[in-house]
Amino acid sequence: MGPIKHKALINVDLGEAYGNWACGPDEDLVPLIDHANIACGFHASDPLIMMETVKLCKQHNVKIGAHPGLPDLQGFGRREMKLSPEELTAITVYQVGALKAFLDRENLPLHHVKPHGVLYGMMCRDYEVAKAVMLGIPPGVPVFGLAGTNMEKAAQDLGVLFWAEMYGDVKYNADGMLVIDRKKKPWKTEDVEKHVTQQLTTESVTAVDGSHVHLPVKDYPISLCCHSDSPGCLEIVKTTKAAVDKFNKEHNR
C-alpha cells in the first residue's frame, strides 16, 4: 500500500454554535483549511450563524459544503434516530437548501455535501439510509464520505460524485468504520501527526484494537476531516495541516 494519489486537502465542520452558545474557534480555523462543512440548523447552528460563517469562509477563499445532520440539537446529531427514507431525503433537501440560499446571496457555489455525525455512520452501515440521503443532494454536487462503505456504493449507484475522507481526530474500528463519540475526546498532537501521516502515506490506519486496516480510497480526491468541537481543535488542525503540507511537498502534490 502506497501513498494516496492526489493532493491532500483539509476540511473542518464549522458554524456549529447556536444562539449565544459558541462551539469552536471558527475564525482561527478557517485560514488553515481548504473546505468548510457548515452546519445547517438541525444538529447545530442557526440562520445568523450560517450567514456569518459563509461570509467568513468567503473572506478566506475556503470552499463551502453543507453539513446536514439528524434533527437533534440537544444530542448534537450524535444520537441515532429512526427516520423513513422519505424523511431522510427531505431533511437533506431542507438543510442543503437553507445553506444554498446563503451561498446564493454571496454569489458562491455549493462545493459539496458532508453528512454529520451519526447520520454519516448510519449511511456507512445502511445502504437504504445512504441512498435516501444521496437523493437529497443537488445534481452535480459531490458528497464527502468514507470509502469502502455504503456511502460510496450509494453514490456510485446514483451518479453522485464521491470524495474520500480521512480523519485527523477520529479513530477507526477494525472493520474500517469510524468510532463516533457523543463528545469528542482530546488528542496529543504527536498522535495526530502519526495518525494523519500513516493514512496519507500508506492508505491504512491503526485501529483501536491495534490492527492495521486498509483504507480503499482508490483514485478519489481526498479531504482530511477535523472537528471544531474537539478539545484542543486549533492545535489538532495546525498539526494536521503541517503533516498534510509535508506530504504534499514530498510527493509534489
C-alpha atoms as a PDB file:
ATOM      1  CA  MET A   1       0.000   0.000   0.000  1.00  0.00           C
ATOM      2  CA  GLY A   2       1.478   3.274  -1.134  1.00  0.00           C
ATOM      3  CA  PRO A   3       0.643   6.944  -0.677  1.00  0.00           C
ATOM      4  CA  ILE A   4      -2.639   8.482  -1.754  1.00  0.00           C
ATOM      5  CA  LYS A   5      -2.729   9.503  -5.403  1.00  0.00           C
ATOM      6  CA  HIS A   6      -3.880  13.108  -5.109  1.00  0.00           C
ATOM      7  CA  LYS A   7      -3.085  16.267  -3.192  1.00  0.00           C
ATOM      8  CA  ALA A   8      -4.323  16.031   0.386  1.00  0.00           C
ATOM      9  CA  LEU A   9      -6.765  18.738   1.456  1.00  0.00           C
ATOM     10  CA  ILE A  10      -8.352  19.588   4.825  1.00  0.00           C
ATOM     11  CA  ASN A  11     -11.991  20.047   5.808  1.00  0.00           C
ATOM     12  CA  VAL A  12     -13.462  21.108   9.148  1.00  0.00           C
ATOM     13  CA  ASP A  13     -17.028  21.208  10.468  1.00  0.00           C
ATOM     14  CA  LEU A  14     -17.882  24.846  11.177  1.00  0.00           C
ATOM     15  CA  GLY A  15     -20.777  27.071  12.194  1.00  0.00           C
ATOM     16  CA  GLU A  16     -21.816  24.655  14.936  1.00  0.00           C
ATOM     17  CA  ALA A  17     -22.629  27.328  17.515  1.00  0.00           C
ATOM     18  CA  TYR A  18     -26.230  28.086  18.441  1.00  0.00           C
ATOM     19  CA  GLY A  19     -27.567  31.441  19.583  1.00  0.00           C
ATOM     20  CA  ASN A  20     -25.326  32.683  22.392  1.00  0.00           C
ATOM     21  CA  TRP A  21     -23.530  29.324  22.715  1.00  0.00           C
ATOM     22  CA  ALA A  22     -20.177  29.106  20.968  1.00  0.00           C
ATOM     23  CA  CYS A  23     -18.666  25.918  19.559  1.00  0.00           C
ATOM     24  CA  GLY A  24     -15.122  26.020  18.280  1.00  0.00           C
ATOM     25  CA  PRO A  25     -12.762  28.864  17.288  1.00  0.00           C
ATOM     26  CA  ASP A  26     -14.042  29.162  13.717  1.00  0.00           C
ATOM     27  CA  GLU A  27     -12.243  32.442  12.965  1.00  0.00           C
ATOM     28  CA  ASP A  28      -8.897  30.856  13.872  1.00  0.00           C
ATOM     29  CA  LEU A  29      -9.592  27.624  11.980  1.00  0.00           C
ATOM     30  CA  VAL A  30     -10.769  28.990   8.648  1.00  0.00           C
ATOM     31  CA  PRO A  31      -7.355  30.302   7.463  1.00  0.00           C
ATOM     32  CA  LEU A  32      -5.897  26.809   7.936  1.00  0.00           C
ATOM     33  CA  ILE A  33      -8.341  24.780   5.845  1.00  0.00           C
ATOM     34  CA  ASP A  34      -9.483  24.133   2.265  1.00  0.00           C
ATOM     35  CA  HIS A  35     -13.097  23.053   2.795  1.00  0.00           C
ATOM     36  CA  ALA A  36     -15.721  24.051   5.359  1.00  0.00           C
ATOM     37  CA  ASN A  37     -18.711  21.893   6.249  1.00  0.00           C
ATOM     38  CA  ILE A  38     -21.280  24.376   7.564  1.00  0.00           C
ATOM     39  CA  ALA A  39     -23.970  23.115   9.933  1.00  0.00           C
ATOM     40  CA  CYS A  40     -27.479  23.751   8.642  1.00  0.00           C
ATOM     41  CA  GLY A  41     -29.620  24.137  11.758  1.00  0.00           C
ATOM     42  CA  PHE A  42     -30.707  20.591  12.617  1.00  0.00           C
ATOM     43  CA  HIS A  43     -27.837  19.368  14.819  1.00  0.00           C
ATOM     44  CA  ALA A  44     -26.339  22.826  15.386  1.00  0.00           C
ATOM     45  CA  SER A  45     -26.250  26.393  14.039  1.00  0.00           C
ATOM     46  CA  ASP A  46     -28.971  28.933  13.322  1.00  0.00           C
ATOM     47  CA  PRO A  47     -29.671  31.332  10.439  1.00  0.00           C
ATOM     48  CA  LEU A  48     -27.453  34.152  11.703  1.00  0.00           C
ATOM     49  CA  ILE A  49     -24.528  31.825  12.390  1.00  0.00           C
ATOM     50  CA  MET A  50     -24.915  30.227   8.953  1.00  0.00           C
ATOM     51  CA  MET A  51     -24.836  33.651   7.310  1.00  0.00           C
ATOM     52  CA  GLU A  52     -21.798  34.789   9.299  1.00  0.00           C
ATOM     53  CA  THR A  53     -19.909  31.542   8.673  1.00  0.00           C
ATOM     54  CA  VAL A  54     -20.490  31.753   4.922  1.00  0.00           C
ATOM     55  CA  LYS A  55     -19.107  35.306   4.906  1.00  0.00           C
ATOM     56  CA  LEU A  56     -16.097  34.220   6.994  1.00  0.00           C
ATOM     57  CA  CYS A  57     -15.275  31.419   4.571  1.00  0.00           C
ATOM     58  CA  LYS A  58     -15.660  33.765   1.614  1.00  0.00           C
ATOM     59  CA  GLN A  59     -13.075  36.137   3.125  1.00  0.00           C
ATOM     60  CA  HIS A  60     -10.519  33.309   3.171  1.00  0.00           C
ATOM     61  CA  ASN A  61     -11.475  31.661  -0.148  1.00  0.00           C
ATOM     62  CA  VAL A  62     -12.491  28.452   1.618  1.00  0.00           C
ATOM     63  CA  LYS A  63     -14.803  26.209  -0.392  1.00  0.00           C
ATOM     64  CA  ILE A  64     -18.124  25.612   1.340  1.00  0.00           C
ATOM     65  CA  GLY A  65     -20.179  22.463   1.771  1.00  0.00           C
ATOM     66  CA  ALA A  66     -23.441  21.717   3.547  1.00  0.00           C
ATOM     67  CA  HIS A  67     -23.255  19.684   6.757  1.00  0.00           C
ATOM     68  CA  PRO A  68     -26.740  18.212   7.238  1.00  0.00           C
ATOM     69  CA  GLY A  69     -27.483  16.179  10.344  1.00  0.00           C
ATOM     70  CA  LEU A  70     -30.311  14.498  12.184  1.00  0.00           C
ATOM     71  CA  PRO A  71     -32.851  16.834  13.850  1.00  0.00           C
ATOM     72  CA  ASP A  72     -31.318  16.607  17.330  1.00  0.00           C
ATOM     73  CA  LEU A  73     -29.892  19.852  18.745  1.00  0.00           C
ATOM     74  CA  GLN A  74     -29.566  18.522  22.293  1.00  0.00           C
ATOM     75  CA  GLY A  75     -27.681  15.430  21.146  1.00  0.00           C
ATOM     76  CA  PHE A  76     -25.623  17.399  18.606  1.00  0.00           C
ATOM     77  CA  GLY A  77     -26.650  14.942  15.892  1.00  0.00           C
ATOM     78  CA  ARG A  78     -24.707  12.136  17.530  1.00  0.00           C
ATOM     79  CA  ARG A  79     -27.672  10.053  18.727  1.00  0.00           C
ATOM     80  CA  GLU A  80     -29.184   7.575  16.301  1.00  0.00           C
ATOM     81  CA  MET A  81     -32.770   8.163  15.177  1.00  0.00           C
ATOM     82  CA  LYS A  82     -35.140   6.084  13.080  1.00  0.00           C
ATOM     83  CA  LEU A  83     -36.405   8.059  10.089  1.00  0.00           C
ATOM     84  CA  SER A  84     -38.129   6.850   6.949  1.00  0.00           C
ATOM     85  CA  PRO A  85     -36.282   7.121   3.619  1.00  0.00           C
ATOM     86  CA  GLU A  86     -38.611   9.936   2.605  1.00  0.00           C
ATOM     87  CA  GLU A  87     -37.818  11.838   5.802  1.00  0.00           C
ATOM     88  CA  LEU A  88     -34.081  11.382   5.279  1.00  0.00           C
ATOM     89  CA  THR A  89     -34.294  12.745   1.761  1.00  0.00           C
ATOM     90  CA  ALA A  90     -36.481  15.639   2.898  1.00  0.00           C
ATOM     91  CA  ILE A  91     -34.252  16.734   5.796  1.00  0.00           C
ATOM     92  CA  THR A  92     -31.273  16.686   3.428  1.00  0.00           C
ATOM     93  CA  VAL A  93     -33.058  18.807   0.824  1.00  0.00           C
ATOM     94  CA  TYR A  94     -34.230  21.186   3.559  1.00  0.00           C
ATOM     95  CA  GLN A  95     -30.815  21.725   5.126  1.00  0.00           C
ATOM     96  CA  VAL A  96     -28.826  21.895   1.907  1.00  0.00           C
ATOM     97  CA  GLY A  97     -31.370  24.322   0.507  1.00  0.00           C
ATOM     98  CA  ALA A  98     -31.060  26.565   3.548  1.00  0.00           C
ATOM     99  CA  LEU A  99     -27.299  26.828   3.194  1.00  0.00           C
ATOM    100  CA  LYS A 100     -27.532  27.295  -0.567  1.00  0.00           C
ATOM    101  CA  ALA A 101     -29.759  30.331  -0.028  1.00  0.00           C
ATOM    102  CA  PHE A 102     -26.974  31.982   1.993  1.00  0.00           C
ATOM    103  CA  LEU A 103     -24.400  30.981  -0.628  1.00  0.00           C
ATOM    104  CA  ASP A 104     -26.532  32.489  -3.384  1.00  0.00           C
ATOM    105  CA  ARG A 105     -26.577  35.813  -1.518  1.00  0.00           C
ATOM    106  CA  GLU A 106     -22.757  35.822  -1.625  1.00  0.00           C
ATOM    107  CA  ASN A 107     -22.568  34.505  -5.223  1.00  0.00           C
ATOM    108  CA  LEU A 108     -20.790  31.375  -4.028  1.00  0.00           C
ATOM    109  CA  PRO A 109     -21.228  27.795  -5.266  1.00  0.00           C
ATOM    110  CA  LEU A 110     -22.107  24.811  -3.106  1.00  0.00           C
ATOM    111  CA  HIS A 111     -18.904  22.771  -3.287  1.00  0.00           C
ATOM    112  CA  HIS A 112     -20.047  19.553  -1.567  1.00  0.00           C
ATOM    113  CA  VAL A 113     -22.292  17.897   0.996  1.00  0.00           C
ATOM    114  CA  LYS A 114     -20.807  16.232   4.069  1.00  0.00           C
ATOM    115  CA  PRO A 115     -23.336  14.443   6.333  1.00  0.00           C
ATOM    116  CA  HIS A 116     -22.819  14.925  10.057  1.00  0.00           C
ATOM    117  CA  GLY A 117     -22.191  12.631  12.999  1.00  0.00           C
ATOM    118  CA  VAL A 118     -24.416   9.610  13.468  1.00  0.00           C
ATOM    119  CA  LEU A 119     -26.139  10.233  10.123  1.00  0.00           C
ATOM    120  CA  TYR A 120     -22.750   9.719   8.466  1.00  0.00           C
ATOM    121  CA  GLY A 121     -22.262   6.483  10.416  1.00  0.00           C
ATOM    122  CA  MET A 122     -25.764   5.277   9.586  1.00  0.00           C
ATOM    123  CA  MET A 123     -25.057   5.876   5.902  1.00  0.00           C
ATOM    124  CA  CYS A 124     -21.858   3.866   6.106  1.00  0.00           C
ATOM    125  CA  ARG A 125     -23.684   0.863   7.586  1.00  0.00           C
ATOM    126  CA  ASP A 126     -27.074   1.025   5.862  1.00  0.00           C
ATOM    127  CA  TYR A 127     -27.400   1.252   2.081  1.00  0.00           C
ATOM    128  CA  GLU A 128     -31.011   2.441   2.193  1.00  0.00           C
ATOM    129  CA  VAL A 129     -30.130   5.302   4.544  1.00  0.00           C
ATOM    130  CA  ALA A 130     -27.189   6.254   2.321  1.00  0.00           C
ATOM    131  CA  LYS A 131     -29.376   6.153  -0.786  1.00  0.00           C
ATOM    132  CA  ALA A 132     -32.097   8.273   0.819  1.00  0.00           C
ATOM    133  CA  VAL A 133     -29.629  10.999   1.813  1.00  0.00           C
ATOM    134  CA  MET A 134     -27.917  10.924  -1.599  1.00  0.00           C
ATOM    135  CA  LEU A 135     -31.300  11.567  -3.228  1.00  0.00           C
ATOM    136  CA  GLY A 136     -31.407  14.888  -1.368  1.00  0.00           C
ATOM    137  CA  ILE A 137     -28.086  16.125  -2.792  1.00  0.00           C
ATOM    138  CA  PRO A 138     -28.380  18.527  -5.756  1.00  0.00           C
ATOM    139  CA  PRO A 139     -27.226  17.130  -9.130  1.00  0.00           C
ATOM    140  CA  GLY A 140     -23.532  17.633  -9.812  1.00  0.00           C
ATOM    141  CA  VAL A 141     -22.615  18.304  -6.164  1.00  0.00           C
ATOM    142  CA  PRO A 142     -20.095  15.837  -4.649  1.00  0.00           C
ATOM    143  CA  VAL A 143     -20.535  14.051  -1.348  1.00  0.00           C
ATOM    144  CA  PHE A 144     -17.684  13.638   1.146  1.00  0.00           C
ATOM    145  CA  GLY A 145     -17.773  10.141   2.635  1.00  0.00           C
ATOM    146  CA  LEU A 146     -15.999   7.042   3.852  1.00  0.00           C
ATOM    147  CA  ALA A 147     -14.645   4.886   1.027  1.00  0.00           C
ATOM    148  CA  GLY A 148     -15.423   1.185   1.033  1.00  0.00           C
ATOM    149  CA  THR A 149     -18.814   1.656   2.700  1.00  0.00           C
ATOM    150  CA  ASN A 150     -22.435   2.014   1.639  1.00  0.00           C
ATOM    151  CA  MET A 151     -21.823   5.737   1.241  1.00  0.00           C
ATOM    152  CA  GLU A 152     -19.531   5.032  -1.690  1.00  0.00           C
ATOM    153  CA  LYS A 153     -21.833   2.358  -3.136  1.00  0.00           C
ATOM    154  CA  ALA A 154     -24.934   4.541  -3.000  1.00  0.00           C
ATOM    155  CA  ALA A 155     -23.045   7.471  -4.536  1.00  0.00           C
ATOM    156  CA  GLN A 156     -21.869   5.256  -7.405  1.00  0.00           C
ATOM    157  CA  ASP A 157     -25.328   3.805  -7.983  1.00  0.00           C
ATOM    158  CA  LEU A 158     -26.991   7.233  -8.066  1.00  0.00           C
ATOM    159  CA  GLY A 159     -24.279   9.051 -10.009  1.00  0.00           C
ATOM    160  CA  VAL A 160     -23.230  11.300  -7.125  1.00  0.00           C
ATOM    161  CA  LEU A 161     -19.599  12.419  -7.308  1.00  0.00           C
ATOM    162  CA  PHE A 162     -17.621  10.971  -4.398  1.00  0.00           C
ATOM    163  CA  TRP A 163     -14.721  12.381  -2.397  1.00  0.00           C
ATOM    164  CA  ALA A 164     -12.995  10.052   0.051  1.00  0.00           C
ATOM    165  CA  GLU A 165     -12.394  11.300   3.569  1.00  0.00           C
ATOM    166  CA  MET A 166      -9.655  10.519   6.028  1.00  0.00           C
ATOM    167  CA  TYR A 167      -9.626  11.773   9.620  1.00  0.00           C
ATOM    168  CA  GLY A 168      -7.251  13.710  11.819  1.00  0.00           C
ATOM    169  CA  ASP A 169      -9.146  13.406  15.101  1.00  0.00           C
ATOM    170  CA  VAL A 170     -11.337  10.311  14.738  1.00  0.00           C
ATOM    171  CA  LYS A 171     -10.286   6.735  15.429  1.00  0.00           C
ATOM    172  CA  TYR A 172     -11.209   3.690  13.361  1.00  0.00           C
ATOM    173  CA  ASN A 173     -12.598   0.302  14.300  1.00  0.00           C
ATOM    174  CA  ALA A 174     -11.053  -2.908  12.957  1.00  0.00           C
ATOM    175  CA  ASP A 175     -13.736  -3.079  10.253  1.00  0.00           C
ATOM    176  CA  GLY A 176     -12.702   0.313   8.893  1.00  0.00           C
ATOM    177  CA  MET A 177     -15.725   2.116  10.349  1.00  0.00           C
ATOM    178  CA  LEU A 178     -15.321   5.283  12.400  1.00  0.00           C
ATOM    179  CA  VAL A 179     -15.568   5.494  16.190  1.00  0.00           C
ATOM    180  CA  ILE A 180     -18.229   8.199  16.592  1.00  0.00           C
ATOM    181  CA  ASP A 181     -18.120   9.661  20.096  1.00  0.00           C
ATOM    182  CA  ARG A 182     -21.039  11.623  21.521  1.00  0.00           C
ATOM    183  CA  LYS A 183     -18.493  14.057  22.923  1.00  0.00           C
ATOM    184  CA  LYS A 184     -15.063  14.445  21.337  1.00  0.00           C
ATOM    185  CA  LYS A 185     -12.017  13.361  23.327  1.00  0.00           C
ATOM    186  CA  PRO A 186      -8.641  15.118  23.446  1.00  0.00           C
ATOM    187  CA  TRP A 187      -5.702  14.078  21.260  1.00  0.00           C
ATOM    188  CA  LYS A 188      -1.976  14.509  21.767  1.00  0.00           C
ATOM    189  CA  THR A 189      -0.513  16.399  18.807  1.00  0.00           C
ATOM    190  CA  GLU A 190       2.133  13.715  18.259  1.00  0.00           C
ATOM    191  CA  ASP A 191      -0.645  11.146  17.951  1.00  0.00           C
ATOM    192  CA  VAL A 192      -2.468  13.340  15.438  1.00  0.00           C
ATOM    193  CA  GLU A 193       0.678  13.684  13.336  1.00  0.00           C
ATOM    194  CA  LYS A 194       1.258   9.930  13.349  1.00  0.00           C
ATOM    195  CA  HIS A 195      -2.418   9.182  12.621  1.00  0.00           C
ATOM    196  CA  VAL A 196      -2.574  11.584   9.657  1.00  0.00           C
ATOM    197  CA  THR A 197       0.801  10.660   8.186  1.00  0.00           C
ATOM    198  CA  GLN A 198       0.051   6.940   8.283  1.00  0.00           C
ATOM    199  CA  GLN A 199      -3.208   7.428   6.390  1.00  0.00           C
ATOM    200  CA  LEU A 200      -1.667   9.655   3.717  1.00  0.00           C
ATOM    201  CA  THR A 201       1.483   7.647   3.123  1.00  0.00           C
ATOM    202  CA  THR A 202       0.156   4.077   3.387  1.00  0.00           C
ATOM    203  CA  GLU A 203      -3.608   4.292   2.715  1.00  0.00           C
ATOM    204  CA  SER A 204      -4.035   2.468   6.011  1.00  0.00           C
ATOM    205  CA  VAL A 205      -4.695   3.204   9.662  1.00  0.00           C
ATOM    206  CA  THR A 206      -4.072   1.584  13.038  1.00  0.00           C
ATOM    207  CA  ALA A 207      -7.462   0.658  14.501  1.00  0.00           C
ATOM    208  CA  VAL A 208      -8.407   0.927  18.169  1.00  0.00           C
ATOM    209  CA  ASP A 209      -7.605  -2.776  18.648  1.00  0.00           C
ATOM    210  CA  GLY A 210      -4.083  -2.334  17.221  1.00  0.00           C
ATOM    211  CA  SER A 211      -4.812  -3.965  13.872  1.00  0.00           C
ATOM    212  CA  HIS A 212      -3.856  -2.326  10.576  1.00  0.00           C
ATOM    213  CA  VAL A 213      -6.788  -1.502   8.317  1.00  0.00           C
ATOM    214  CA  HIS A 214      -6.572  -0.723   4.600  1.00  0.00           C
ATOM    215  CA  LEU A 215      -8.414   2.437   3.508  1.00  0.00           C
ATOM    216  CA  PRO A 216      -9.780   1.778  -0.005  1.00  0.00           C
ATOM    217  CA  VAL A 217      -9.655   5.369  -1.251  1.00  0.00           C
ATOM    218  CA  LYS A 218      -8.790   4.275  -4.814  1.00  0.00           C
ATOM    219  CA  ASP A 219      -8.370   7.254  -7.141  1.00  0.00           C
ATOM    220  CA  TYR A 220     -10.842   9.530  -5.347  1.00  0.00           C
ATOM    221  CA  PRO A 221      -9.985  13.111  -4.366  1.00  0.00           C
ATOM    222  CA  ILE A 222      -9.048  13.231  -0.675  1.00  0.00           C
ATOM    223  CA  SER A 223     -10.146  15.655   2.027  1.00  0.00           C
ATOM    224  CA  LEU A 224      -8.972  15.040   5.569  1.00  0.00           C
ATOM    225  CA  CYS A 225     -11.512  15.940   8.257  1.00  0.00           C
ATOM    226  CA  CYS A 226     -11.040  17.533  11.687  1.00  0.00           C
ATOM    227  CA  HIS A 227     -13.704  18.756  14.101  1.00  0.00           C
ATOM    228  CA  SER A 228     -14.148  22.198  15.635  1.00  0.00           C
ATOM    229  CA  ASP A 229     -15.647  20.713  18.822  1.00  0.00           C
ATOM    230  CA  SER A 230     -12.647  18.502  19.631  1.00  0.00           C
ATOM    231  CA  PRO A 231     -10.747  19.653  22.741  1.00  0.00           C
ATOM    232  CA  GLY A 232      -7.643  21.493  21.532  1.00  0.00           C
ATOM    233  CA  CYS A 233      -9.033  21.591  17.995  1.00  0.00           C
ATOM    234  CA  LEU A 234      -6.838  24.507  16.893  1.00  0.00           C
ATOM    235  CA  GLU A 235      -3.657  22.578  17.682  1.00  0.00           C
ATOM    236  CA  ILE A 236      -5.144  19.460  16.086  1.00  0.00           C
ATOM    237  CA  VAL A 237      -5.825  21.340  12.844  1.00  0.00           C
ATOM    238  CA  LYS A 238      -2.421  23.060  12.893  1.00  0.00           C
ATOM    239  CA  THR A 239      -0.733  19.680  13.361  1.00  0.00           C
ATOM    240  CA  THR A 240      -2.850  18.139  10.615  1.00  0.00           C
ATOM    241  CA  LYS A 241      -2.004  20.992   8.255  1.00  0.00           C
ATOM    242  CA  ALA A 242       1.712  20.591   8.946  1.00  0.00           C
ATOM    243  CA  ALA A 243       1.508  16.867   8.173  1.00  0.00           C
ATOM    244  CA  VAL A 244      -0.573  17.485   5.032  1.00  0.00           C
ATOM    245  CA  ASP A 245       1.751  20.238   3.783  1.00  0.00           C
ATOM    246  CA  LYS A 246       4.770  17.999   4.352  1.00  0.00           C
ATOM    247  CA  PHE A 247       3.134  15.127   2.464  1.00  0.00           C
ATOM    248  CA  ASN A 248       2.099  17.341  -0.467  1.00  0.00           C
ATOM    249  CA  LYS A 249       5.581  18.838  -0.731  1.00  0.00           C
ATOM    250  CA  GLU A 250       7.384  15.498  -0.562  1.00  0.00           C
ATOM    251  CA  HIS A 251       5.077  13.990  -3.204  1.00  0.00           C
ATOM    252  CA  ASN A 252       4.909  17.060  -5.453  1.00  0.00           C
ATOM    253  CA  ARG A 253       1.183  17.443  -4.982  1.00  0.00           C
END
